[in-house]
Structure formats: C-alpha cells, structure tokens
Amino acid sequence: MKRLLATALALLPLFATASHASSDDAWAQFEKDVSKACITAAKGLIDNGRAVTDPYGSESYGMAVVSGKAKGAKATISTICVYDKKTKRAEIGGEISADRLLVKPAK
C-alpha cells in the first residue's frame, strides 16, 4: 500500500503539468476562436479588421475590440465584440471612431 501511495505521489506532478499544458492550449484556441468570430461579425463595418482579444473573457462571454478601415471610407474605426461561449456566436456594437478609441494590434 505504501509503495502504491509513493508511486501515485511521484506521478502527481506529471499529471498536473499535462493538465496545465492542455489548459493553456484550450485558452489559446479560445482566443483564436473569439478573434475569428469577431472579425467575421465586423466584416460589414470594417475592412480587413484585426482583433485584440481578452484572452479569457468573462464567465459567459469572450470579448474583443476589432479595428481597421471603415468599410467604404478612409477612417480608422473600432467596434466592441462579445462572443457567447455557449452558442459560439459573436455580436458587435456600433462604430467607434479612432479619436475616441484607438487600438493598435500587434503585427
């Protein structure tokens, strides 16, 4: 019994590391999913949008700010996007001009 307990305790750090790694992978995938859904949702408002994503969101929603050139204009604008974690659907808010909100995504 002691040997079994000692083996289980010795292996515990391996399980914790594997769990942490898959969790990091899951959060990275979540961030990609939110970004893609939000950029797609903003296509009617923004050409070639780029998203800055909250890497975790709230309990129920993913969040991002999508910025880029306003559709059919030269102005740079942004919009706020929410992504429902259950339905995996994104919705955007209205246009926010660059003088009110300027987001510069990393390249």
PDB file of N, CA and C in Angstrom:
ATOM      1  N   MET A   1       0.829  -1.187   0.000  1.00  0.00           N
ATOM      2  CA  MET A   1       0.000   0.000   0.000  1.00  0.00           C
ATOM      3  C   MET A   1       0.873   1.250   0.000  1.00  0.00           C
ATOM      4  N   LYS A   2       1.948   1.217   0.826  1.00  0.00           N
ATOM      5  CA  LYS A   2       2.842   2.380   0.876  1.00  0.00           C
ATOM      6  C   LYS A   2       3.515   2.606  -0.470  1.00  0.00           C
ATOM      7  N   ARG A   3       3.871   1.521  -1.133  1.00  0.00           N
ATOM      8  CA  ARG A   3       4.538   1.628  -2.430  1.00  0.00           C
ATOM      9  C   ARG A   3       3.582   2.260  -3.460  1.00  0.00           C
ATOM     10  N   LEU A   4       2.313   1.855  -3.453  1.00  0.00           N
ATOM     11  CA  LEU A   4       1.309   2.412  -4.361  1.00  0.00           C
ATOM     12  C   LEU A   4       1.113   3.899  -4.102  1.00  0.00           C
ATOM     13  N   LEU A   5       1.031   4.280  -2.841  1.00  0.00           N
ATOM     14  CA  LEU A   5       0.880   5.681  -2.471  1.00  0.00           C
ATOM     15  C   LEU A   5       2.092   6.497  -2.904  1.00  0.00           C
ATOM     16  N   ALA A   6       3.283   5.949  -2.687  1.00  0.00           N
ATOM     17  CA  ALA A   6       4.513   6.639  -3.079  1.00  0.00           C
ATOM     18  C   ALA A   6       4.566   6.823  -4.593  1.00  0.00           C
ATOM     19  N   THR A   7       4.167   5.816  -5.352  1.00  0.00           N
ATOM     20  CA  THR A   7       4.145   5.913  -6.818  1.00  0.00           C
ATOM     21  C   THR A   7       3.143   6.960  -7.272  1.00  0.00           C
ATOM     22  N   ALA A   8       1.963   6.949  -6.673  1.00  0.00           N
ATOM     23  CA  ALA A   8       0.930   7.935  -7.036  1.00  0.00           C
ATOM     24  C   ALA A   8       1.414   9.352  -6.748  1.00  0.00           C
ATOM     25  N   LEU A   9       2.035   9.556  -5.613  1.00  0.00           N
ATOM     26  CA  LEU A   9       2.546  10.884  -5.265  1.00  0.00           C
ATOM     27  C   LEU A   9       3.678  11.311  -6.196  1.00  0.00           C
ATOM     28  N   ALA A  10       4.491  10.361  -6.614  1.00  0.00           N
ATOM     29  CA  ALA A  10       5.590  10.672  -7.522  1.00  0.00           C
ATOM     30  C   ALA A  10       5.066  11.081  -8.903  1.00  0.00           C
ATOM     31  N   LEU A  11       3.958  10.495  -9.322  1.00  0.00           N
ATOM     32  CA  LEU A  11       3.393  10.796 -10.646  1.00  0.00           C
ATOM     33  C   LEU A  11       2.512  12.043 -10.659  1.00  0.00           C
ATOM     34  N   LEU A  12       2.088  12.498  -9.520  1.00  0.00           N
ATOM     35  CA  LEU A  12       1.186  13.649  -9.430  1.00  0.00           C
ATOM     36  C   LEU A  12       1.687  14.879 -10.178  1.00  0.00           C
ATOM     37  N   PRO A  13       2.959  15.261 -10.052  1.00  0.00           N
ATOM     38  CA  PRO A  13       3.426  16.434 -10.799  1.00  0.00           C
ATOM     39  C   PRO A  13       3.304  16.270 -12.322  1.00  0.00           C
ATOM     40  N   LEU A  14       3.447  15.059 -12.819  1.00  0.00           N
ATOM     41  CA  LEU A  14       3.298  14.821 -14.257  1.00  0.00           C
ATOM     42  C   LEU A  14       1.872  15.089 -14.710  1.00  0.00           C
ATOM     43  N   PHE A  15       0.900  14.663 -13.929  1.00  0.00           N
ATOM     44  CA  PHE A  15      -0.494  14.902 -14.282  1.00  0.00           C
ATOM     45  C   PHE A  15      -0.828  16.384 -14.201  1.00  0.00           C
ATOM     46  N   ALA A  16      -0.309  17.058 -13.222  1.00  0.00           N
ATOM     47  CA  ALA A  16      -0.558  18.499 -13.085  1.00  0.00           C
ATOM     48  C   ALA A  16       0.024  19.257 -14.273  1.00  0.00           C
ATOM     49  N   THR A  17       1.214  18.881 -14.721  1.00  0.00           N
ATOM     50  CA  THR A  17       1.835  19.540 -15.867  1.00  0.00           C
ATOM     51  C   THR A  17       1.035  19.288 -17.131  1.00  0.00           C
ATOM     52  N   ALA A  18       0.593  18.080 -17.368  1.00  0.00           N
ATOM     53  CA  ALA A  18      -0.193  17.753 -18.557  1.00  0.00           C
ATOM     54  C   ALA A  18      -1.510  18.511 -18.543  1.00  0.00           C
ATOM     55  N   SER A  19      -2.142  18.599 -17.392  1.00  0.00           N
ATOM     56  CA  SER A  19      -3.397  19.325 -17.274  1.00  0.00           C
ATOM     57  C   SER A  19      -3.195  20.804 -17.557  1.00  0.00           C
ATOM     58  N   HIS A  20      -2.130  21.374 -17.027  1.00  0.00           N
ATOM     59  CA  HIS A  20      -1.839  22.788 -17.240  1.00  0.00           C
ATOM     60  C   HIS A  20      -1.566  23.074 -18.711  1.00  0.00           C
ATOM     61  N   ALA A  21      -0.828  22.200 -19.370  1.00  0.00           N
ATOM     62  CA  ALA A  21      -0.495  22.391 -20.779  1.00  0.00           C
ATOM     63  C   ALA A  21      -1.754  22.350 -21.631  1.00  0.00           C
ATOM     64  N   SER A  22      -2.635  21.396 -21.397  1.00  0.00           N
ATOM     65  CA  SER A  22      -3.843  21.329 -22.211  1.00  0.00           C
ATOM     66  C   SER A  22      -4.734  22.529 -21.920  1.00  0.00           C
ATOM     67  N   SER A  23      -4.714  23.027 -20.691  1.00  0.00           N
ATOM     68  CA  SER A  23      -5.479  24.212 -20.358  1.00  0.00           C
ATOM     69  C   SER A  23      -4.941  25.418 -21.123  1.00  0.00           C
ATOM     70  N   ASP A  24      -3.623  25.573 -21.186  1.00  0.00           N
ATOM     71  CA  ASP A  24      -3.025  26.662 -21.964  1.00  0.00           C
ATOM     72  C   ASP A  24      -3.404  26.542 -23.433  1.00  0.00           C
ATOM     73  N   ASP A  25      -3.379  25.316 -23.954  1.00  0.00           N
ATOM     74  CA  ASP A  25      -3.767  25.088 -25.344  1.00  0.00           C
ATOM     75  C   ASP A  25      -5.230  25.446 -25.567  1.00  0.00           C
ATOM     76  N   ALA A  26      -6.072  25.089 -24.620  1.00  0.00           N
ATOM     77  CA  ALA A  26      -7.503  25.391 -24.736  1.00  0.00           C
ATOM     78  C   ALA A  26      -7.742  26.897 -24.717  1.00  0.00           C
ATOM     79  N   TRP A  27      -7.036  27.625 -23.859  1.00  0.00           N
ATOM     80  CA  TRP A  27      -7.203  29.082 -23.816  1.00  0.00           C
ATOM     81  C   TRP A  27      -6.686  29.737 -25.093  1.00  0.00           C
ATOM     82  N   ALA A  28      -5.589  29.233 -25.628  1.00  0.00           N
ATOM     83  CA  ALA A  28      -5.067  29.767 -26.897  1.00  0.00           C
ATOM     84  C   ALA A  28      -6.067  29.538 -28.019  1.00  0.00           C
ATOM     85  N   GLN A  29      -6.690  28.368 -28.046  1.00  0.00           N
ATOM     86  CA  GLN A  29      -7.703  28.081 -29.068  1.00  0.00           C
ATOM     87  C   GLN A  29      -8.925  28.965 -28.871  1.00  0.00           C
ATOM     88  N   PHE A  30      -9.322  29.165 -27.625  1.00  0.00           N
ATOM     89  CA  PHE A  30     -10.451  30.055 -27.327  1.00  0.00           C
ATOM     90  C   PHE A  30     -10.176  31.454 -27.867  1.00  0.00           C
ATOM     91  N   GLU A  31      -8.990  31.968 -27.625  1.00  0.00           N
ATOM     92  CA  GLU A  31      -8.630  33.306 -28.099  1.00  0.00           C
ATOM     93  C   GLU A  31      -8.704  33.378 -29.630  1.00  0.00           C
ATOM     94  N   LYS A  32      -8.230  32.347 -30.308  1.00  0.00           N
ATOM     95  CA  LYS A  32      -8.302  32.302 -31.774  1.00  0.00           C
ATOM     96  C   LYS A  32      -9.754  32.266 -32.241  1.00  0.00           C
ATOM     97  N   ASP A  33     -10.589  31.474 -31.578  1.00  0.00           N
ATOM     98  CA  ASP A  33     -11.999  31.357 -31.951  1.00  0.00           C
ATOM     99  C   ASP A  33     -12.723  32.690 -31.794  1.00  0.00           C
ATOM    100  N   VAL A  34     -12.469  33.382 -30.679  1.00  0.00           N
ATOM    101  CA  VAL A  34     -13.095  34.683 -30.439  1.00  0.00           C
ATOM    102  C   VAL A  34     -12.635  35.676 -31.500  1.00  0.00           C
ATOM    103  N   SER A  35     -11.349  35.721 -31.761  1.00  0.00           N
ATOM    104  CA  SER A  35     -10.800  36.647 -32.754  1.00  0.00           C
ATOM    105  C   SER A  35     -11.435  36.415 -34.118  1.00  0.00           C
ATOM    106  N   LYS A  36     -11.462  35.179 -34.555  1.00  0.00           N
ATOM    107  CA  LYS A  36     -12.018  34.851 -35.878  1.00  0.00           C
ATOM    108  C   LYS A  36     -13.504  35.212 -35.956  1.00  0.00           C
ATOM    109  N   ALA A  37     -14.270  34.831 -34.939  1.00  0.00           N
ATOM    110  CA  ALA A  37     -15.709  35.110 -34.942  1.00  0.00           C
ATOM    111  C   ALA A  37     -15.984  36.608 -34.920  1.00  0.00           C
ATOM    112  N   CYS A  38     -15.194  37.360 -34.159  1.00  0.00           N
ATOM    113  CA  CYS A  38     -15.413  38.804 -34.054  1.00  0.00           C
ATOM    114  C   CYS A  38     -15.026  39.525 -35.348  1.00  0.00           C
ATOM    115  N   ILE A  39     -13.929  39.123 -35.969  1.00  0.00           N
ATOM    116  CA  ILE A  39     -13.535  39.728 -37.243  1.00  0.00           C
ATOM    117  C   ILE A  39     -14.597  39.450 -38.300  1.00  0.00           C
ATOM    118  N   THR A  40     -15.115  38.243 -38.315  1.00  0.00           N
ATOM    119  CA  THR A  40     -16.181  37.887 -39.255  1.00  0.00           C
ATOM    120  C   THR A  40     -17.435  38.715 -38.988  1.00  0.00           C
ATOM    121  N   ALA A  41     -17.805  38.866 -37.731  1.00  0.00           N
ATOM    122  CA  ALA A  41     -19.002  39.642 -37.383  1.00  0.00           C
ATOM    123  C   ALA A  41     -18.862  41.113 -37.780  1.00  0.00           C
ATOM    124  N   ALA A  42     -17.633  41.625 -37.789  1.00  0.00           N
ATOM    125  CA  ALA A  42     -17.396  43.047 -38.086  1.00  0.00           C
ATOM    126  C   ALA A  42     -17.194  43.327 -39.578  1.00  0.00           C
ATOM    127  N   LYS A  43     -17.253  42.301 -40.433  1.00  0.00           N
ATOM    128  CA  LYS A  43     -16.961  42.493 -41.862  1.00  0.00           C
ATOM    129  C   LYS A  43     -17.864  43.515 -42.540  1.00  0.00           C
ATOM    130  N   GLY A  44     -19.081  43.662 -42.107  1.00  0.00           N
ATOM    131  CA  GLY A  44     -19.971  44.657 -42.702  1.00  0.00           C
ATOM    132  C   GLY A  44     -19.621  46.077 -42.307  1.00  0.00           C
ATOM    133  N   LEU A  45     -18.805  46.233 -41.297  1.00  0.00           N
ATOM    134  CA  LEU A  45     -18.442  47.539 -40.750  1.00  0.00           C
ATOM    135  C   LEU A  45     -16.988  47.892 -41.015  1.00  0.00           C
ATOM    136  N   ILE A  46     -16.106  46.889 -40.996  1.00  0.00           N
ATOM    137  CA  ILE A  46     -14.657  47.117 -41.055  1.00  0.00           C
ATOM    138  C   ILE A  46     -14.024  46.228 -42.119  1.00  0.00           C
ATOM    139  N   ASP A  47     -13.207  46.847 -42.979  1.00  0.00           N
ATOM    140  CA  ASP A  47     -12.422  46.093 -43.957  1.00  0.00           C
ATOM    141  C   ASP A  47     -11.130  45.612 -43.313  1.00  0.00           C
ATOM    142  N   ASN A  48     -10.765  44.364 -43.549  1.00  0.00           N
ATOM    143  CA  ASN A  48      -9.503  43.804 -43.045  1.00  0.00           C
ATOM    144  C   ASN A  48      -9.303  44.061 -41.556  1.00  0.00           C
ATOM    145  N   GLY A  49     -10.323  43.778 -40.784  1.00  0.00           N
ATOM    146  CA  GLY A  49     -10.262  44.006 -39.342  1.00  0.00           C
ATOM    147  C   GLY A  49      -9.220  43.153 -38.646  1.00  0.00           C
ATOM    148  N   ARG A  50      -8.724  43.691 -37.544  1.00  0.00           N
ATOM    149  CA  ARG A  50      -7.794  42.968 -36.671  1.00  0.00           C
ATOM    150  C   ARG A  50      -8.348  43.054 -35.260  1.00  0.00           C
ATOM    151  N   ALA A  51      -8.249  41.972 -34.548  1.00  0.00           N
ATOM    152  CA  ALA A  51      -8.851  41.913 -33.216  1.00  0.00           C
ATOM    153  C   ALA A  51      -7.809  41.899 -32.116  1.00  0.00           C
ATOM    154  N   VAL A  52      -8.116  42.599 -31.042  1.00  0.00           N
ATOM    155  CA  VAL A  52      -7.375  42.494 -29.786  1.00  0.00           C
ATOM    156  C   VAL A  52      -8.351  41.800 -28.842  1.00  0.00           C
ATOM    157  N   THR A  53      -7.977  40.611 -28.406  1.00  0.00           N
ATOM    158  CA  THR A  53      -8.887  39.748 -27.670  1.00  0.00           C
ATOM    159  C   THR A  53      -8.494  39.642 -26.203  1.00  0.00           C
ATOM    160  N   ASP A  54      -9.496  39.706 -25.338  1.00  0.00           N
ATOM    161  CA  ASP A  54      -9.288  39.377 -23.936  1.00  0.00           C
ATOM    162  C   ASP A  54      -9.009  37.869 -23.919  1.00  0.00           C
ATOM    163  N   PRO A  55      -7.870  37.428 -23.415  1.00  0.00           N
ATOM    164  CA  PRO A  55      -7.507  36.012 -23.545  1.00  0.00           C
ATOM    165  C   PRO A  55      -8.414  35.039 -22.798  1.00  0.00           C
ATOM    166  N   TYR A  56      -9.227  35.519 -21.849  1.00  0.00           N
ATOM    167  CA  TYR A  56     -10.072  34.616 -21.076  1.00  0.00           C
ATOM    168  C   TYR A  56     -11.547  34.993 -21.102  1.00  0.00           C
ATOM    169  N   GLY A  57     -11.852  36.258 -21.250  1.00  0.00           N
ATOM    170  CA  GLY A  57     -13.237  36.702 -21.235  1.00  0.00           C
ATOM    171  C   GLY A  57     -13.838  36.634 -19.848  1.00  0.00           C
ATOM    172  N   SER A  58     -15.153  36.700 -19.820  1.00  0.00           N
ATOM    173  CA  SER A  58     -15.870  36.569 -18.551  1.00  0.00           C
ATOM    174  C   SER A  58     -16.370  35.136 -18.433  1.00  0.00           C
ATOM    175  N   GLU A  59     -17.181  34.878 -17.441  1.00  0.00           N
ATOM    176  CA  GLU A  59     -17.702  33.528 -17.260  1.00  0.00           C
ATOM    177  C   GLU A  59     -18.528  33.082 -18.472  1.00  0.00           C
ATOM    178  N   SER A  60     -19.270  34.015 -19.065  1.00  0.00           N
ATOM    179  CA  SER A  60     -20.179  33.662 -20.162  1.00  0.00           C
ATOM    180  C   SER A  60     -19.737  34.126 -21.535  1.00  0.00           C
ATOM    181  N   TYR A  61     -18.852  35.130 -21.584  1.00  0.00           N
ATOM    182  CA  TYR A  61     -18.541  35.753 -22.871  1.00  0.00           C
ATOM    183  C   TYR A  61     -17.042  35.916 -23.105  1.00  0.00           C
ATOM    184  N   GLY A  62     -16.667  35.797 -24.373  1.00  0.00           N
ATOM    185  CA  GLY A  62     -15.365  36.227 -24.829  1.00  0.00           C
ATOM    186  C   GLY A  62     -15.522  37.667 -25.294  1.00  0.00           C
ATOM    187  N   MET A  63     -14.460  38.439 -25.267  1.00  0.00           N
ATOM    188  CA  MET A  63     -14.550  39.850 -25.645  1.00  0.00           C
ATOM    189  C   MET A  63     -13.356  40.251 -26.484  1.00  0.00           C
ATOM    190  N   ALA A  64     -13.620  41.170 -27.411  1.00  0.00           N
ATOM    191  CA  ALA A  64     -12.546  41.664 -28.264  1.00  0.00           C
ATOM    192  C   ALA A  64     -12.904  43.058 -28.758  1.00  0.00           C
ATOM    193  N   VAL A  65     -11.883  43.767 -29.202  1.00  0.00           N
ATOM    194  CA  VAL A  65     -12.071  45.017 -29.919  1.00  0.00           C
ATOM    195  C   VAL A  65     -11.526  44.765 -31.322  1.00  0.00           C
ATOM    196  N   VAL A  66     -12.363  45.013 -32.332  1.00  0.00           N
ATOM    197  CA  VAL A  66     -11.958  44.839 -33.721  1.00  0.00           C
ATOM    198  C   VAL A  66     -11.740  46.230 -34.301  1.00  0.00           C
ATOM    199  N   SER A  67     -10.584  46.433 -34.935  1.00  0.00           N
ATOM    200  CA  SER A  67     -10.235  47.735 -35.504  1.00  0.00           C
ATOM    201  C   SER A  67      -9.802  47.559 -36.952  1.00  0.00           C
ATOM    202  N   GLY A  68      -9.940  48.641 -37.702  1.00  0.00           N
ATOM    203  CA  GLY A  68      -9.499  48.639 -39.093  1.00  0.00           C
ATOM    204  C   GLY A  68     -10.118  49.799 -39.842  1.00  0.00           C
ATOM    205  N   LYS A  69      -9.992  49.739 -41.158  1.00  0.00           N
ATOM    206  CA  LYS A  69     -10.517  50.797 -42.023  1.00  0.00           C
ATOM    207  C   LYS A  69     -12.027  50.621 -42.152  1.00  0.00           C
ATOM    208  N   ALA A  70     -12.740  51.724 -41.966  1.00  0.00           N
ATOM    209  CA  ALA A  70     -14.191  51.684 -42.110  1.00  0.00           C
ATOM    210  C   ALA A  70     -14.559  51.264 -43.523  1.00  0.00           C
ATOM    211  N   LYS A  71     -15.541  50.418 -43.657  1.00  0.00           N
ATOM    212  CA  LYS A  71     -15.987  49.929 -44.961  1.00  0.00           C
ATOM    213  C   LYS A  71     -16.378  51.117 -45.842  1.00  0.00           C
ATOM    214  N   GLY A  72     -15.720  51.228 -46.986  1.00  0.00           N
ATOM    215  CA  GLY A  72     -16.035  52.282 -47.942  1.00  0.00           C
ATOM    216  C   GLY A  72     -15.535  53.663 -47.570  1.00  0.00           C
ATOM    217  N   ALA A  73     -14.643  53.770 -46.607  1.00  0.00           N
ATOM    218  CA  ALA A  73     -14.124  55.072 -46.175  1.00  0.00           C
ATOM    219  C   ALA A  73     -12.643  54.934 -45.837  1.00  0.00           C
ATOM    220  N   LYS A  74     -12.005  56.065 -45.550  1.00  0.00           N
ATOM    221  CA  LYS A  74     -10.584  56.060 -45.184  1.00  0.00           C
ATOM    222  C   LYS A  74     -10.363  56.065 -43.678  1.00  0.00           C
ATOM    223  N   ALA A  75     -11.397  56.360 -42.924  1.00  0.00           N
ATOM    224  CA  ALA A  75     -11.273  56.492 -41.471  1.00  0.00           C
ATOM    225  C   ALA A  75     -10.980  55.149 -40.814  1.00  0.00           C
ATOM    226  N   THR A  76     -10.213  55.189 -39.733  1.00  0.00           N
ATOM    227  CA  THR A  76      -9.963  54.013 -38.910  1.00  0.00           C
ATOM    228  C   THR A  76     -10.991  54.008 -37.791  1.00  0.00           C
ATOM    229  N   ILE A  77     -11.622  52.855 -37.606  1.00  0.00           N
ATOM    230  CA  ILE A  77     -12.643  52.721 -36.571  1.00  0.00           C
ATOM    231  C   ILE A  77     -12.426  51.428 -35.793  1.00  0.00           C
ATOM    232  N   SER A  78     -13.150  51.316 -34.704  1.00  0.00           N
ATOM    233  CA  SER A  78     -13.149  50.095 -33.896  1.00  0.00           C
ATOM    234  C   SER A  78     -14.578  49.752 -33.535  1.00  0.00           C
ATOM    235  N   THR A  79     -14.784  48.529 -33.125  1.00  0.00           N
ATOM    236  CA  THR A  79     -16.067  48.099 -32.579  1.00  0.00           C
ATOM    237  C   THR A  79     -15.795  47.090 -31.474  1.00  0.00           C
ATOM    238  N   ILE A  80     -16.666  47.067 -30.505  1.00  0.00           N
ATOM    239  CA  ILE A  80     -16.551  46.108 -29.410  1.00  0.00           C
ATOM    240  C   ILE A  80     -17.350  44.869 -29.791  1.00  0.00           C
ATOM    241  N   CYS A  81     -16.784  43.708 -29.499  1.00  0.00           N
ATOM    242  CA  CYS A  81     -17.411  42.438 -29.853  1.00  0.00           C
ATOM    243  C   CYS A  81     -17.548  41.561 -28.618  1.00  0.00           C
ATOM    244  N   VAL A  82     -18.687  40.897 -28.518  1.00  0.00           N
ATOM    245  CA  VAL A  82     -18.885  39.890 -27.476  1.00  0.00           C
ATOM    246  C   VAL A  82     -19.165  38.556 -28.153  1.00  0.00           C
ATOM    247  N   TYR A  83     -18.630  37.501 -27.567  1.00  0.00           N
ATOM    248  CA  TYR A  83     -18.715  36.151 -28.112  1.00  0.00           C
ATOM    249  C   TYR A  83     -19.332  35.256 -27.047  1.00  0.00           C
ATOM    250  N   ASP A  84     -20.492  34.721 -27.350  1.00  0.00           N
ATOM    251  CA  ASP A  84     -21.185  33.857 -26.400  1.00  0.00           C
ATOM    252  C   ASP A  84     -20.473  32.508 -26.339  1.00  0.00           C
ATOM    253  N   LYS A  85     -19.973  32.149 -25.176  1.00  0.00           N
ATOM    254  CA  LYS A  85     -19.217  30.904 -25.031  1.00  0.00           C
ATOM    255  C   LYS A  85     -20.080  29.664 -25.271  1.00  0.00           C
ATOM    256  N   LYS A  86     -21.383  29.754 -24.999  1.00  0.00           N
ATOM    257  CA  LYS A  86     -22.256  28.595 -25.197  1.00  0.00           C
ATOM    258  C   LYS A  86     -22.645  28.431 -26.661  1.00  0.00           C
ATOM    259  N   THR A  87     -23.104  29.502 -27.295  1.00  0.00           N
ATOM    260  CA  THR A  87     -23.594  29.399 -28.672  1.00  0.00           C
ATOM    261  C   THR A  87     -22.483  29.575 -29.703  1.00  0.00           C
ATOM    262  N   LYS A  88     -21.343  30.131 -29.257  1.00  0.00           N
ATOM    263  CA  LYS A  88     -20.187  30.415 -30.130  1.00  0.00           C
ATOM    264  C   LYS A  88     -20.546  31.437 -31.214  1.00  0.00           C
ATOM    265  N   ARG A  89     -21.476  32.340 -30.908  1.00  0.00           N
ATOM    266  CA  ARG A  89     -21.868  33.415 -31.819  1.00  0.00           C
ATOM    267  C   ARG A  89     -21.304  34.731 -31.317  1.00  0.00           C
ATOM    268  N   ALA A  90     -20.871  35.560 -32.273  1.00  0.00           N
ATOM    269  CA  ALA A  90     -20.306  36.868 -31.938  1.00  0.00           C
ATOM    270  C   ALA A  90     -21.275  37.960 -32.367  1.00  0.00           C
ATOM    271  N   GLU A  91     -21.323  39.015 -31.572  1.00  0.00           N
ATOM    272  CA  GLU A  91     -22.103  40.206 -31.904  1.00  0.00           C
ATOM    273  C   GLU A  91     -21.216  41.415 -31.703  1.00  0.00           C
ATOM    274  N   ILE A  92     -21.407  42.420 -32.572  1.00  0.00           N
ATOM    275  CA  ILE A  92     -20.619  43.638 -32.453  1.00  0.00           C
ATOM    276  C   ILE A  92     -21.501  44.805 -32.049  1.00  0.00           C
ATOM    277  N   GLY A  93     -20.843  45.826 -31.488  1.00  0.00           N
ATOM    278  CA  GLY A  93     -21.521  47.070 -31.180  1.00  0.00           C
ATOM    279  C   GLY A  93     -21.404  48.008 -32.379  1.00  0.00           C
ATOM    280  N   GLY A  94     -21.602  49.258 -32.137  1.00  0.00           N
ATOM    281  CA  GLY A  94     -21.525  50.249 -33.205  1.00  0.00           C
ATOM    282  C   GLY A  94     -20.109  50.699 -33.480  1.00  0.00           C
ATOM    283  N   GLU A  95     -20.010  51.573 -34.425  1.00  0.00           N
ATOM    284  CA  GLU A  95     -18.723  52.138 -34.851  1.00  0.00           C
ATOM    285  C   GLU A  95     -18.210  53.122 -33.799  1.00  0.00           C
ATOM    286  N   ILE A  96     -16.928  52.984 -33.465  1.00  0.00           N
ATOM    287  CA  ILE A  96     -16.280  53.914 -32.540  1.00  0.00           C
ATOM    288  C   ILE A  96     -15.097  54.521 -33.290  1.00  0.00           C
ATOM    289  N   SER A  97     -15.097  55.832 -33.422  1.00  0.00           N
ATOM    290  CA  SER A  97     -14.039  56.493 -34.189  1.00  0.00           C
ATOM    291  C   SER A  97     -12.695  56.410 -33.467  1.00  0.00           C
ATOM    292  N   ALA A  98     -11.628  56.523 -34.251  1.00  0.00           N
ATOM    293  CA  ALA A  98     -10.272  56.399 -33.703  1.00  0.00           C
ATOM    294  C   ALA A  98      -9.939  57.509 -32.714  1.00  0.00           C
ATOM    295  N   ASP A  99     -10.605  58.652 -32.805  1.00  0.00           N
ATOM    296  CA  ASP A  99     -10.324  59.706 -31.829  1.00  0.00           C
ATOM    297  C   ASP A  99     -10.945  59.398 -30.464  1.00  0.00           C
ATOM    298  N   ARG A 100     -11.852  58.419 -30.419  1.00  0.00           N
ATOM    299  CA  ARG A 100     -12.446  58.002 -29.150  1.00  0.00           C
ATOM    300  C   ARG A 100     -11.837  56.706 -28.625  1.00  0.00           C
ATOM    301  N   LEU A 101     -11.424  55.840 -29.554  1.00  0.00           N
ATOM    302  CA  LEU A 101     -10.828  54.563 -29.162  1.00  0.00           C
ATOM    303  C   LEU A 101      -9.860  54.138 -30.254  1.00  0.00           C
ATOM    304  N   LEU A 102      -8.590  54.087 -29.926  1.00  0.00           N
ATOM    305  CA  LEU A 102      -7.575  53.679 -30.878  1.00  0.00           C
ATOM    306  C   LEU A 102      -6.879  52.434 -30.352  1.00  0.00           C
ATOM    307  N   VAL A 103      -6.981  51.366 -31.116  1.00  0.00           N
ATOM    308  CA  VAL A 103      -6.357  50.102 -30.750  1.00  0.00           C
ATOM    309  C   VAL A 103      -5.360  49.749 -31.819  1.00  0.00           C
ATOM    310  N   LYS A 104      -4.139  49.455 -31.415  1.00  0.00           N
ATOM    311  CA  LYS A 104      -3.101  49.073 -32.354  1.00  0.00           C
ATOM    312  C   LYS A 104      -2.689  47.639 -32.074  1.00  0.00           C
ATOM    313  N   PRO A 105      -3.291  46.691 -32.800  1.00  0.00           N
ATOM    314  CA  PRO A 105      -2.937  45.278 -32.574  1.00  0.00           C
ATOM    315  C   PRO A 105      -1.473  45.016 -32.933  1.00  0.00           C
ATOM    316  N   ALA A 106      -0.878  44.083 -32.243  1.00  0.00           N
ATOM    317  CA  ALA A 106       0.481  43.666 -32.563  1.00  0.00           C
ATOM    318  C   ALA A 106       0.484  43.019 -33.941  1.00  0.00           C
ATOM    319  N   LYS A 107       1.569  43.161 -34.657  1.00  0.00           N
ATOM    320  CA  LYS A 107       1.621  42.594 -36.004  1.00  0.00           C
ATOM    321  C   LYS A 107       2.125  41.204 -36.014  1.00  0.00           C
TER     322      LYS A 107
END
